[in-house]
């Protein structure tokens, strides 16, 4: 799934599955399948939101040196 901010309403019918979506414009990021987000960005109806990265975990976190 991919996130994007939609600037205008966007209707999309999948070429891979028998499904379609009607997306309403919103300032908040919305999550949809990559296929839909790619088509909306190409049509100029949306802007991608980069994925959030998890913080790096330390391998020795919580261990004590005894």
Protein backbone atom coordinates (compact mmCIF):
# COMPACT_ATOMS: atom_id res chain seq x y z
CA UNK A 1 0.00 0.00 0.00
CA UNK A 2 1.15 3.52 -0.75
CA UNK A 3 0.25 6.91 0.72
CA UNK A 4 -0.59 10.08 -1.15
CA UNK A 5 -2.28 13.45 -0.67
CA UNK A 6 -5.05 13.85 -3.26
CA UNK A 7 -5.54 17.42 -4.54
CA UNK A 8 -8.64 16.65 -6.60
CA UNK A 9 -11.18 13.81 -6.83
CA UNK A 10 -9.81 10.79 -8.71
CA UNK A 11 -11.62 7.75 -10.10
CA UNK A 12 -9.64 4.64 -10.95
CA UNK A 13 -10.46 1.17 -12.29
CA UNK A 14 -7.84 -1.51 -11.77
CA UNK A 15 -6.43 -3.38 -14.75
CA UNK A 16 -5.29 -6.22 -12.49
CA UNK A 17 -8.43 -6.83 -10.40
CA UNK A 18 -12.13 -6.36 -10.88
CA UNK A 19 -12.33 -3.33 -8.61
CA UNK A 20 -12.48 0.45 -8.80
CA UNK A 21 -12.03 3.34 -6.41
CA UNK A 22 -13.43 6.84 -6.13
CA UNK A 23 -11.04 8.98 -4.08
CA UNK A 24 -12.07 12.31 -2.56
CA UNK A 25 -9.59 15.16 -2.27
CA UNK A 26 -8.12 15.69 1.19
CA UNK A 27 -5.14 17.43 2.79
CA UNK A 28 -4.57 14.33 4.94
CA UNK A 29 -2.52 11.46 3.46
CA UNK A 30 -4.63 8.51 2.28
CA UNK A 31 -3.54 4.89 1.80
CA UNK A 32 -4.39 3.01 -1.40
CA UNK A 33 -2.83 0.29 -3.56
CA UNK A 34 0.36 1.26 -5.40
CA UNK A 35 -1.41 0.86 -8.76
CA UNK A 36 -3.93 3.60 -7.90
CA UNK A 37 -1.39 5.99 -6.36
CA UNK A 38 0.94 5.66 -9.36
CA UNK A 39 -1.91 6.48 -11.76
CA UNK A 40 -3.06 9.46 -9.65
CA UNK A 41 0.47 10.91 -9.47
CA UNK A 42 0.90 10.45 -13.24
CA UNK A 43 -2.42 12.25 -13.82
CA UNK A 44 -1.40 15.12 -11.51
CA UNK A 45 -4.24 14.44 -9.05
CA UNK A 46 -2.01 13.43 -6.12
CA UNK A 47 1.39 13.84 -4.50
CA UNK A 48 3.17 10.87 -2.93
CA UNK A 49 3.92 10.83 0.78
CA UNK A 50 7.28 9.19 1.55
CA UNK A 51 7.09 6.14 3.82
CA UNK A 52 8.04 6.61 7.46
CA UNK A 53 11.24 4.86 8.42
CA UNK A 54 11.52 2.97 11.67
CA UNK A 55 14.23 4.11 14.05
CA UNK A 56 17.32 1.92 14.06
CA UNK A 57 17.33 -0.43 17.00
CA UNK A 58 20.51 -1.08 18.86
CA UNK A 59 21.50 -4.74 19.07
CA UNK A 60 22.83 -4.36 22.61
CA UNK A 61 19.88 -2.36 23.92
CA UNK A 62 18.74 -3.69 27.27
CA UNK A 63 21.83 -5.83 27.80
CA UNK A 64 24.16 -5.13 30.70
CA UNK A 65 27.96 -5.56 30.79
CA UNK A 66 28.60 -7.74 33.85
